[in-house]
C-alpha cells in the first residue's frame, strides 16, 4: 500500500520561498508519476505541477511557470516543489498525488482522475 506524506508548508511573506516535499513509501518510487495540486478556501482544486516516473515529462500551470520547480530525488523517494516569488494567490492546501503508471499528462484534470493515491495536504499561506 502506497503512502504519501507532504511537508514543508508554512507562513511566508509575499516574494518569499518555500520548498514542499512529497515522500512516498510502500511502493516502487521509480514507477510513480507525481503531481501537485492546491485548493484555496472557497475555490476548486487546481493542478500546479507534475513529473513523470522517468522525469522526462514535466508540466506546470501557467500561473506558476517561472516561479515553481518540480524535481525528484530517487534516493530519498521524494518529489520536491520549490516555490519562489510566492504571491498571496498561491495560498492554499497543497496536495501530492501519485499515478502508479508513472504518467504526467498535459491536462491536470486528467491527472486528478488517474491518480491512485493522495496525501493529506500541507498548508501554504502567503501573507504580509
Foldseek 3Di string as FASTA:
>chain_A
DKAWAKDWADEAAQQAKIKMKIAIDDDQLLQKKKWKWWDDVPGDIDTAKIAFSVRPDIEGDPVQPPFWDWDADNVRSMIMIIGGRDDQVPWGWMKMFIASRRDDDHDVVVVVVRTDDMHPTDGHGYHD
